[in-house]
């Protein structure tokens, strides 16, 4: 009796924008979730990954959208241990679109700060990959 061999091929999906806004992806260390968006405290909004999805996750970009277009917002993506993966600087541009440079670091925290205090809310967090 003959043996039939099948070749296997690992399929890699085409890169696309993936929505990571849901609170199931994040532990809020500063700020709050109101059911549809994240609100900062007076010092900003800080989110840490929840559930382990960030391990070996290497998207090439982050895109963040917020309310109040005139707000001057800064988005920082930190890696573990202590590396800066991306830093938008303060910007009025919306959405913030930043390239990500990982090295060996996993995402450890997203930090959002605004010049005008807590007058803005983050409505969408997306990664491209």
Protein backbone atom coordinates (compact mmCIF):
# COMPACT_ATOMS: atom_id res chain seq x y z
CA UNK A 1 0.00 0.00 0.00
CA UNK A 2 1.38 3.42 -0.94
CA UNK A 3 1.83 6.43 1.31
CA UNK A 4 0.23 9.69 0.35
CA UNK A 5 2.11 12.78 1.48
CA UNK A 6 0.52 16.18 1.74
CA UNK A 7 2.48 19.40 1.67
CA UNK A 8 1.46 21.86 4.33
CA UNK A 9 1.70 25.55 3.91
CA UNK A 10 1.38 28.11 6.64
CA UNK A 11 -0.96 30.83 5.47
CA UNK A 12 -0.18 34.34 6.65
CA UNK A 13 -3.09 36.74 6.43
CA UNK A 14 -2.54 39.99 4.57
CA UNK A 15 -1.73 42.91 6.88
CA UNK A 16 -4.76 44.89 7.96
CA UNK A 17 -5.91 47.33 10.64
CA UNK A 18 -6.93 45.40 13.76
CA UNK A 19 -9.17 47.04 16.36
CA UNK A 20 -7.80 46.76 19.93
CA UNK A 21 -10.14 49.33 21.48
CA UNK A 22 -12.20 46.94 23.64
CA UNK A 23 -11.46 47.00 27.37
CA UNK A 24 -10.85 43.23 27.27
CA UNK A 25 -7.46 44.06 25.68
CA UNK A 26 -6.38 46.54 28.38
CA UNK A 27 -5.99 47.09 32.10
CA UNK A 28 -6.58 50.75 32.86
CA UNK A 29 -3.92 52.06 35.25
CA UNK A 30 -4.93 55.72 34.90
CA UNK A 31 -8.26 56.91 33.47
CA UNK A 32 -11.55 55.09 32.85
CA UNK A 33 -13.77 53.32 30.30
CA UNK A 34 -17.35 54.59 29.94
CA UNK A 35 -18.67 51.77 27.77
CA UNK A 36 -17.66 53.26 24.42
CA UNK A 37 -14.43 55.25 24.93
CA UNK A 38 -11.49 55.77 27.28
CA UNK A 39 -11.35 58.94 29.36
CA UNK A 40 -8.17 60.28 30.92
CA UNK A 41 -7.71 61.42 34.48
CA UNK A 42 -6.11 64.84 34.88
CA UNK A 43 -2.64 63.33 34.29
CA UNK A 44 -3.58 61.28 31.22
CA UNK A 45 -4.72 57.82 30.19
CA UNK A 46 -2.47 54.79 30.75
CA UNK A 47 -3.33 51.31 29.50
CA UNK A 48 -1.45 48.04 30.02
CA UNK A 49 -2.13 44.94 27.88
CA UNK A 50 -4.39 42.35 29.52
CA UNK A 51 -4.52 38.63 28.86
CA UNK A 52 -1.18 38.06 27.13
CA UNK A 53 -2.15 39.02 23.55
CA UNK A 54 0.86 41.37 23.41
CA UNK A 55 3.45 38.59 23.70
CA UNK A 56 5.32 38.40 20.37
CA UNK A 57 2.71 40.71 18.78
CA UNK A 58 4.64 42.86 16.27
CA UNK A 59 2.38 45.21 14.32
CA UNK A 60 4.13 47.83 12.21
CA UNK A 61 1.90 50.82 13.08
CA UNK A 62 -0.54 52.14 15.67
CA UNK A 63 -3.48 54.40 14.83
CA UNK A 64 -5.36 56.26 17.58
CA UNK A 65 -8.51 58.37 17.23
CA UNK A 66 -9.95 60.69 19.89
CA UNK A 67 -12.74 63.21 20.45
CA UNK A 68 -12.22 66.98 20.30
CA UNK A 69 -10.09 67.51 17.22
CA UNK A 70 -8.42 70.61 18.68
CA UNK A 71 -6.89 68.65 21.57
CA UNK A 72 -3.09 68.50 21.61
CA UNK A 73 -2.40 64.79 22.30
CA UNK A 74 0.76 62.71 22.77
CA UNK A 75 0.74 58.94 22.24
CA UNK A 76 3.60 56.84 23.65
CA UNK A 77 3.94 53.07 23.20
CA UNK A 78 6.27 51.54 25.78
CA UNK A 79 7.92 48.14 25.62
CA UNK A 80 9.02 45.80 28.35
CA UNK A 81 11.54 46.40 29.85
CA UNK A 82 11.30 50.18 29.60
CA UNK A 83 11.93 50.74 25.87
CA UNK A 84 10.05 53.34 23.84
CA UNK A 85 8.48 51.66 20.81
CA UNK A 86 6.82 54.85 19.50
CA UNK A 87 6.35 58.46 20.59
CA UNK A 88 4.13 60.77 18.55
CA UNK A 89 5.18 63.95 20.32
CA UNK A 90 2.29 66.35 20.95
CA UNK A 91 0.13 66.59 17.86
CA UNK A 92 -3.19 67.99 16.69
CA UNK A 93 -3.22 65.52 13.80
CA UNK A 94 -5.93 62.94 13.92
CA UNK A 95 -5.80 60.07 13.85
CA UNK A 96 -2.30 59.70 15.29
CA UNK A 97 -0.44 57.27 13.03
CA UNK A 98 2.94 56.10 14.26
CA UNK A 99 5.42 53.50 13.02
CA UNK A 100 6.39 50.93 15.65
CA UNK A 101 9.96 49.71 16.23
CA UNK A 102 10.00 46.73 18.56
CA UNK A 103 13.37 45.05 18.74
CA UNK A 104 12.82 42.34 21.37
CA UNK A 105 10.20 44.25 23.36
CA UNK A 106 6.54 43.41 23.82
CA UNK A 107 4.07 46.26 24.36
CA UNK A 108 3.94 47.04 28.07
CA UNK A 109 1.90 50.25 28.15
CA UNK A 110 0.14 52.87 26.06
CA UNK A 111 0.31 56.40 27.44
CA UNK A 112 -1.93 59.22 26.26
CA UNK A 113 -1.43 62.75 27.54
CA UNK A 114 -2.98 66.02 26.48
CA UNK A 115 -1.90 69.61 26.91
CA UNK A 116 -5.42 70.76 27.80
CA UNK A 117 -5.99 68.21 30.56
CA UNK A 118 -8.82 65.65 30.48
CA UNK A 119 -10.91 67.31 27.75
CA UNK A 120 -10.58 64.46 25.24
CA UNK A 121 -11.44 60.76 25.03
CA UNK A 122 -9.75 57.96 23.08
CA UNK A 123 -12.37 56.38 20.81
CA UNK A 124 -10.28 53.87 18.82
CA UNK A 125 -6.96 52.03 19.15
CA UNK A 126 -5.82 50.07 16.11
CA UNK A 127 -2.70 48.20 15.12
CA UNK A 128 -1.59 47.40 11.58
CA UNK A 129 -0.21 43.94 11.13
